[in-house]
Amino acid sequence: MTSLLAVAIIAAAAALAAAIGDAIVVKETIASTARQPEYGGQFRTTMFIGIALIEALPIIAIVIAFILLGR
């Protein structure tokens, strides 16, 4: 039971960290586009790459948590 709680806490913490990271990236992309609208397309492409990398971390954390749960 304790290990299930640990997996849930790890998954929740990873999801929260990813959500905060995504919010910061989007906020800065919007601010950059407002300052330099002509580079909006480049900013958007870079934003999607950054969000993809940020979202990979909670997925990896959840996989590791389930691997540890199986031991």
PDB file of N, CA and C in Angstrom:
ATOM      1  N   MET A   1       0.816  -1.196   0.000  1.00  0.00           N
ATOM      2  CA  MET A   1       0.000   0.000   0.000  1.00  0.00           C
ATOM      3  C   MET A   1       0.859   1.258   0.000  1.00  0.00           C
ATOM      4  N   THR A   2       1.936   1.221   0.772  1.00  0.00           N
ATOM      5  CA  THR A   2       2.819   2.384   0.839  1.00  0.00           C
ATOM      6  C   THR A   2       3.473   2.651  -0.508  1.00  0.00           C
ATOM      7  N   SER A   3       3.841   1.574  -1.229  1.00  0.00           N
ATOM      8  CA  SER A   3       4.494   1.769  -2.519  1.00  0.00           C
ATOM      9  C   SER A   3       3.524   2.366  -3.544  1.00  0.00           C
ATOM     10  N   LEU A   4       2.249   2.006  -3.454  1.00  0.00           N
ATOM     11  CA  LEU A   4       1.268   2.621  -4.350  1.00  0.00           C
ATOM     12  C   LEU A   4       1.132   4.111  -4.076  1.00  0.00           C
ATOM     13  N   LEU A   5       1.169   4.466  -2.820  1.00  0.00           N
ATOM     14  CA  LEU A   5       1.112   5.880  -2.451  1.00  0.00           C
ATOM     15  C   LEU A   5       2.343   6.619  -2.970  1.00  0.00           C
ATOM     16  N   ALA A   6       3.496   5.977  -2.888  1.00  0.00           N
ATOM     17  CA  ALA A   6       4.727   6.595  -3.385  1.00  0.00           C
ATOM     18  C   ALA A   6       4.656   6.816  -4.891  1.00  0.00           C
ATOM     19  N   VAL A   7       4.134   5.836  -5.628  1.00  0.00           N
ATOM     20  CA  VAL A   7       3.984   5.984  -7.081  1.00  0.00           C
ATOM     21  C   VAL A   7       3.023   7.131  -7.397  1.00  0.00           C
ATOM     22  N   ALA A   8       1.939   7.233  -6.646  1.00  0.00           N
ATOM     23  CA  ALA A   8       0.977   8.316  -6.871  1.00  0.00           C
ATOM     24  C   ALA A   8       1.603   9.676  -6.595  1.00  0.00           C
ATOM     25  N   ILE A   9       2.395   9.763  -5.546  1.00  0.00           N
ATOM     26  CA  ILE A   9       3.057  11.035  -5.217  1.00  0.00           C
ATOM     27  C   ILE A   9       4.072  11.403  -6.292  1.00  0.00           C
ATOM     28  N   ILE A  10       4.833  10.421  -6.764  1.00  0.00           N
ATOM     29  CA  ILE A  10       5.815  10.684  -7.825  1.00  0.00           C
ATOM     30  C   ILE A  10       5.109  11.162  -9.094  1.00  0.00           C
ATOM     31  N   ALA A  11       4.026  10.493  -9.474  1.00  0.00           N
ATOM     32  CA  ALA A  11       3.289  10.880 -10.683  1.00  0.00           C
ATOM     33  C   ALA A  11       2.696  12.278 -10.542  1.00  0.00           C
ATOM     34  N   ALA A  12       2.140  12.580  -9.377  1.00  0.00           N
ATOM     35  CA  ALA A  12       1.548  13.904  -9.159  1.00  0.00           C
ATOM     36  C   ALA A  12       2.604  14.998  -9.175  1.00  0.00           C
ATOM     37  N   ALA A  13       3.738  14.749  -8.544  1.00  0.00           N
ATOM     38  CA  ALA A  13       4.809  15.747  -8.521  1.00  0.00           C
ATOM     39  C   ALA A  13       5.360  15.987  -9.924  1.00  0.00           C
ATOM     40  N   ALA A  14       5.525  14.916 -10.691  1.00  0.00           N
ATOM     41  CA  ALA A  14       6.032  15.064 -12.057  1.00  0.00           C
ATOM     42  C   ALA A  14       5.038  15.833 -12.926  1.00  0.00           C
ATOM     43  N   ALA A  15       3.753  15.535 -12.775  1.00  0.00           N
ATOM     44  CA  ALA A  15       2.732  16.240 -13.556  1.00  0.00           C
ATOM     45  C   ALA A  15       2.664  17.716 -13.173  1.00  0.00           C
ATOM     46  N   LEU A  16       2.767  18.002 -11.889  1.00  0.00           N
ATOM     47  CA  LEU A  16       2.739  19.395 -11.431  1.00  0.00           C
ATOM     48  C   LEU A  16       3.947  20.170 -11.957  1.00  0.00           C
ATOM     49  N   ALA A  17       5.114  19.555 -11.885  1.00  0.00           N
ATOM     50  CA  ALA A  17       6.323  20.219 -12.382  1.00  0.00           C
ATOM     51  C   ALA A  17       6.228  20.477 -13.885  1.00  0.00           C
ATOM     52  N   ALA A  18       5.691  19.520 -14.628  1.00  0.00           N
ATOM     53  CA  ALA A  18       5.536  19.704 -16.073  1.00  0.00           C
ATOM     54  C   ALA A  18       4.534  20.811 -16.381  1.00  0.00           C
ATOM     55  N   ALA A  19       3.453  20.877 -15.631  1.00  0.00           N
ATOM     56  CA  ALA A  19       2.450  21.923 -15.857  1.00  0.00           C
ATOM     57  C   ALA A  19       3.030  23.308 -15.592  1.00  0.00           C
ATOM     58  N   ILE A  20       3.803  23.426 -14.539  1.00  0.00           N
ATOM     59  CA  ILE A  20       4.440  24.714 -14.233  1.00  0.00           C
ATOM     60  C   ILE A  20       5.440  25.077 -15.327  1.00  0.00           C
ATOM     61  N   GLY A  21       6.231  24.103 -15.762  1.00  0.00           N
ATOM     62  CA  GLY A  21       7.196  24.347 -16.832  1.00  0.00           C
ATOM     63  C   GLY A  21       6.525  24.752 -18.133  1.00  0.00           C
ATOM     64  N   ASP A  22       5.435  24.069 -18.479  1.00  0.00           N
ATOM     65  CA  ASP A  22       4.689  24.418 -19.693  1.00  0.00           C
ATOM     66  C   ASP A  22       4.147  25.841 -19.615  1.00  0.00           C
ATOM     67  N   ALA A  23       3.617  26.201 -18.462  1.00  0.00           N
ATOM     68  CA  ALA A  23       3.062  27.548 -18.296  1.00  0.00           C
ATOM     69  C   ALA A  23       4.131  28.617 -18.472  1.00  0.00           C
ATOM     70  N   ILE A  24       5.305  28.376 -17.928  1.00  0.00           N
ATOM     71  CA  ILE A  24       6.397  29.347 -18.060  1.00  0.00           C
ATOM     72  C   ILE A  24       6.828  29.481 -19.515  1.00  0.00           C
ATOM     73  N   VAL A  25       6.953  28.348 -20.212  1.00  0.00           N
ATOM     74  CA  VAL A  25       7.372  28.384 -21.618  1.00  0.00           C
ATOM     75  C   VAL A  25       6.350  29.135 -22.468  1.00  0.00           C
ATOM     76  N   VAL A  26       5.071  28.850 -22.277  1.00  0.00           N
ATOM     77  CA  VAL A  26       4.030  29.523 -23.060  1.00  0.00           C
ATOM     78  C   VAL A  26       3.990  31.013 -22.738  1.00  0.00           C
ATOM     79  N   LYS A  27       4.117  31.365 -21.464  1.00  0.00           N
ATOM     80  CA  LYS A  27       4.105  32.780 -21.064  1.00  0.00           C
ATOM     81  C   LYS A  27       5.242  33.538 -21.741  1.00  0.00           C
ATOM     82  N   GLU A  28       6.430  32.962 -21.728  1.00  0.00           N
ATOM     83  CA  GLU A  28       7.579  33.638 -22.335  1.00  0.00           C
ATOM     84  C   GLU A  28       7.459  33.692 -23.855  1.00  0.00           C
ATOM     85  N   THR A  29       6.868  32.672 -24.461  1.00  0.00           N
ATOM     86  CA  THR A  29       6.665  32.698 -25.913  1.00  0.00           C
ATOM     87  C   THR A  29       5.687  33.796 -26.302  1.00  0.00           C
ATOM     88  N   ILE A  30       4.621  33.947 -25.543  1.00  0.00           N
ATOM     89  CA  ILE A  30       3.653  35.016 -25.822  1.00  0.00           C
ATOM     90  C   ILE A  30       4.306  36.384 -25.654  1.00  0.00           C
ATOM     91  N   ALA A  31       5.109  36.544 -24.610  1.00  0.00           N
ATOM     92  CA  ALA A  31       5.793  37.822 -24.390  1.00  0.00           C
ATOM     93  C   ALA A  31       6.780  38.109 -25.522  1.00  0.00           C
ATOM     94  N   SER A  32       7.495  37.085 -25.966  1.00  0.00           N
ATOM     95  CA  SER A  32       8.457  37.278 -27.057  1.00  0.00           C
ATOM     96  C   SER A  32       7.752  37.623 -28.357  1.00  0.00           C
ATOM     97  N   THR A  33       6.633  36.969 -28.623  1.00  0.00           N
ATOM     98  CA  THR A  33       5.880  37.253 -29.841  1.00  0.00           C
ATOM     99  C   THR A  33       5.287  38.656 -29.802  1.00  0.00           C
ATOM    100  N   ALA A  34       4.891  39.113 -28.634  1.00  0.00           N
ATOM    101  CA  ALA A  34       4.361  40.477 -28.511  1.00  0.00           C
ATOM    102  C   ALA A  34       5.453  41.511 -28.788  1.00  0.00           C
ATOM    103  N   ARG A  35       6.682  41.205 -28.375  1.00  0.00           N
ATOM    104  CA  ARG A  35       7.789  42.137 -28.610  1.00  0.00           C
ATOM    105  C   ARG A  35       8.246  42.115 -30.065  1.00  0.00           C
ATOM    106  N   GLN A  36       8.303  40.913 -30.666  1.00  0.00           N
ATOM    107  CA  GLN A  36       8.789  40.769 -32.039  1.00  0.00           C
ATOM    108  C   GLN A  36       7.831  39.880 -32.834  1.00  0.00           C
ATOM    109  N   PRO A  37       6.738  40.441 -33.327  1.00  0.00           N
ATOM    110  CA  PRO A  37       5.724  39.628 -34.015  1.00  0.00           C
ATOM    111  C   PRO A  37       6.240  38.941 -35.281  1.00  0.00           C
ATOM    112  N   GLU A  38       7.254  39.514 -35.910  1.00  0.00           N
ATOM    113  CA  GLU A  38       7.758  38.925 -37.156  1.00  0.00           C
ATOM    114  C   GLU A  38       8.437  37.572 -36.937  1.00  0.00           C
ATOM    115  N   TYR A  39       8.835  37.273 -35.708  1.00  0.00           N
ATOM    116  CA  TYR A  39       9.469  35.992 -35.387  1.00  0.00           C
ATOM    117  C   TYR A  39       8.505  35.033 -34.688  1.00  0.00           C
ATOM    118  N   GLY A  40       7.217  35.315 -34.765  1.00  0.00           N
ATOM    119  CA  GLY A  40       6.221  34.497 -34.073  1.00  0.00           C
ATOM    120  C   GLY A  40       6.259  33.030 -34.463  1.00  0.00           C
ATOM    121  N   GLY A  41       6.447  32.746 -35.747  1.00  0.00           N
ATOM    122  CA  GLY A  41       6.501  31.354 -36.208  1.00  0.00           C
ATOM    123  C   GLY A  41       7.684  30.600 -35.633  1.00  0.00           C
ATOM    124  N   GLN A  42       8.837  31.264 -35.589  1.00  0.00           N
ATOM    125  CA  GLN A  42      10.024  30.623 -35.017  1.00  0.00           C
ATOM    126  C   GLN A  42       9.860  30.405 -33.520  1.00  0.00           C
ATOM    127  N   PHE A  43       9.265  31.385 -32.850  1.00  0.00           N
ATOM    128  CA  PHE A  43       9.033  31.231 -31.408  1.00  0.00           C
ATOM    129  C   PHE A  43       8.092  30.062 -31.136  1.00  0.00           C
ATOM    130  N   ARG A  44       7.050  29.942 -31.963  1.00  0.00           N
ATOM    131  CA  ARG A  44       6.066  28.885 -31.763  1.00  0.00           C
ATOM    132  C   ARG A  44       6.695  27.506 -31.969  1.00  0.00           C
ATOM    133  N   THR A  45       7.536  27.376 -33.000  1.00  0.00           N
ATOM    134  CA  THR A  45       8.212  26.104 -33.244  1.00  0.00           C
ATOM    135  C   THR A  45       9.109  25.731 -32.075  1.00  0.00           C
ATOM    136  N   THR A  46       9.874  26.691 -31.603  1.00  0.00           N
ATOM    137  CA  THR A  46      10.752  26.446 -30.460  1.00  0.00           C
ATOM    138  C   THR A  46       9.943  26.118 -29.211  1.00  0.00           C
ATOM    139  N   MET A  47       8.790  26.760 -29.054  1.00  0.00           N
ATOM    140  CA  MET A  47       7.933  26.489 -27.901  1.00  0.00           C
ATOM    141  C   MET A  47       7.450  25.043 -27.920  1.00  0.00           C
ATOM    142  N   PHE A  48       7.009  24.554 -29.075  1.00  0.00           N
ATOM    143  CA  PHE A  48       6.513  23.178 -29.150  1.00  0.00           C
ATOM    144  C   PHE A  48       7.619  22.169 -28.859  1.00  0.00           C
ATOM    145  N   ILE A  49       8.824  22.443 -29.326  1.00  0.00           N
ATOM    146  CA  ILE A  49       9.947  21.552 -29.023  1.00  0.00           C
ATOM    147  C   ILE A  49      10.234  21.563 -27.525  1.00  0.00           C
ATOM    148  N   GLY A  50      10.228  22.745 -26.931  1.00  0.00           N
ATOM    149  CA  GLY A  50      10.465  22.852 -25.490  1.00  0.00           C
ATOM    150  C   GLY A  50       9.398  22.148 -24.673  1.00  0.00           C
ATOM    151  N   ILE A  51       8.144  22.299 -25.062  1.00  0.00           N
ATOM    152  CA  ILE A  51       7.058  21.633 -24.342  1.00  0.00           C
ATOM    153  C   ILE A  51       7.176  20.119 -24.480  1.00  0.00           C
ATOM    154  N   ALA A  52       7.557  19.646 -25.663  1.00  0.00           N
ATOM    155  CA  ALA A  52       7.726  18.198 -25.842  1.00  0.00           C
ATOM    156  C   ALA A  52       8.813  17.655 -24.920  1.00  0.00           C
ATOM    157  N   LEU A  53       9.907  18.389 -24.798  1.00  0.00           N
ATOM    158  CA  LEU A  53      10.981  17.946 -23.903  1.00  0.00           C
ATOM    159  C   LEU A  53      10.542  17.997 -22.443  1.00  0.00           C
ATOM    160  N   ILE A  54       9.782  19.023 -22.082  1.00  0.00           N
ATOM    161  CA  ILE A  54       9.288  19.128 -20.704  1.00  0.00           C
ATOM    162  C   ILE A  54       8.325  17.980 -20.399  1.00  0.00           C
ATOM    163  N   GLU A  55       7.453  17.646 -21.345  1.00  0.00           N
ATOM    164  CA  GLU A  55       6.466  16.585 -21.116  1.00  0.00           C
ATOM    165  C   GLU A  55       7.099  15.199 -21.098  1.00  0.00           C
ATOM    166  N   ALA A  56       8.289  15.051 -21.656  1.00  0.00           N
ATOM    167  CA  ALA A  56       8.957  13.745 -21.620  1.00  0.00           C
ATOM    168  C   ALA A  56       9.370  13.376 -20.198  1.00  0.00           C
ATOM    169  N   LEU A  57       9.704  14.353 -19.385  1.00  0.00           N
ATOM    170  CA  LEU A  57      10.183  14.070 -18.030  1.00  0.00           C
ATOM    171  C   LEU A  57       9.135  13.408 -17.137  1.00  0.00           C
ATOM    172  N   PRO A  58       7.877  13.879 -17.091  1.00  0.00           N
ATOM    173  CA  PRO A  58       6.913  13.160 -16.248  1.00  0.00           C
ATOM    174  C   PRO A  58       6.609  11.757 -16.758  1.00  0.00           C
ATOM    175  N   ILE A  59       6.654  11.568 -18.069  1.00  0.00           N
ATOM    176  CA  ILE A  59       6.438  10.225 -18.607  1.00  0.00           C
ATOM    177  C   ILE A  59       7.544   9.294 -18.130  1.00  0.00           C
ATOM    178  N   ILE A  60       8.777   9.759 -18.194  1.00  0.00           N
ATOM    179  CA  ILE A  60       9.905   8.961 -17.718  1.00  0.00           C
ATOM    180  C   ILE A  60       9.784   8.709 -16.218  1.00  0.00           C
ATOM    181  N   ALA A  61       9.372   9.716 -15.458  1.00  0.00           N
ATOM    182  CA  ALA A  61       9.220   9.552 -14.004  1.00  0.00           C
ATOM    183  C   ALA A  61       8.158   8.510 -13.676  1.00  0.00           C
ATOM    184  N   ILE A  62       7.060   8.516 -14.399  1.00  0.00           N
ATOM    185  CA  ILE A  62       6.003   7.539 -14.148  1.00  0.00           C
ATOM    186  C   ILE A  62       6.473   6.134 -14.508  1.00  0.00           C
ATOM    187  N   VAL A  63       7.186   5.997 -15.615  1.00  0.00           N
ATOM    188  CA  VAL A  63       7.714   4.683 -15.998  1.00  0.00           C
ATOM    189  C   VAL A  63       8.676   4.165 -14.938  1.00  0.00           C
ATOM    190  N   ILE A  64       9.568   5.017 -14.465  1.00  0.00           N
ATOM    191  CA  ILE A  64      10.510   4.608 -13.420  1.00  0.00           C
ATOM    192  C   ILE A  64       9.765   4.234 -12.140  1.00  0.00           C
ATOM    193  N   ALA A  65       8.732   4.988 -11.796  1.00  0.00           N
ATOM    194  CA  ALA A  65       7.955   4.677 -10.590  1.00  0.00           C
ATOM    195  C   ALA A  65       7.298   3.305 -10.703  1.00  0.00           C
ATOM    196  N   PHE A  66       6.743   2.983 -11.859  1.00  0.00           N
ATOM    197  CA  PHE A  66       6.116   1.672 -12.018  1.00  0.00           C
ATOM    198  C   PHE A  66       7.149   0.549 -12.058  1.00  0.00           C
ATOM    199  N   ILE A  67       8.324   0.825 -12.599  1.00  0.00           N
ATOM    200  CA  ILE A  67       9.391  -0.180 -12.568  1.00  0.00           C
ATOM    201  C   ILE A  67       9.790  -0.465 -11.128  1.00  0.00           C
ATOM    202  N   LEU A  68       9.935   0.581 -10.335  1.00  0.00           N
ATOM    203  CA  LEU A  68      10.278   0.388  -8.922  1.00  0.00           C
ATOM    204  C   LEU A  68       9.145  -0.297  -8.161  1.00  0.00           C
ATOM    205  N   LEU A  69       7.915  -0.054  -8.563  1.00  0.00           N
ATOM    206  CA  LEU A  69       6.769  -0.698  -7.924  1.00  0.00           C
ATOM    207  C   LEU A  69       6.781  -2.205  -8.182  1.00  0.00           C
ATOM    208  N   GLY A  70       7.239  -2.591  -9.361  1.00  0.00           N
ATOM    209  CA  GLY A  70       7.271  -4.008  -9.719  1.00  0.00           C
ATOM    210  C   GLY A  70       8.347  -4.804  -9.010  1.00  0.00           C
ATOM    211  N   ARG A  71       9.322  -4.147  -8.412  1.00  0.00           N
ATOM    212  CA  ARG A  71      10.423  -4.866  -7.743  1.00  0.00           C
ATOM    213  C   ARG A  71      10.029  -5.373  -6.406  1.00  0.00           C
TER     214      ARG A  71
END
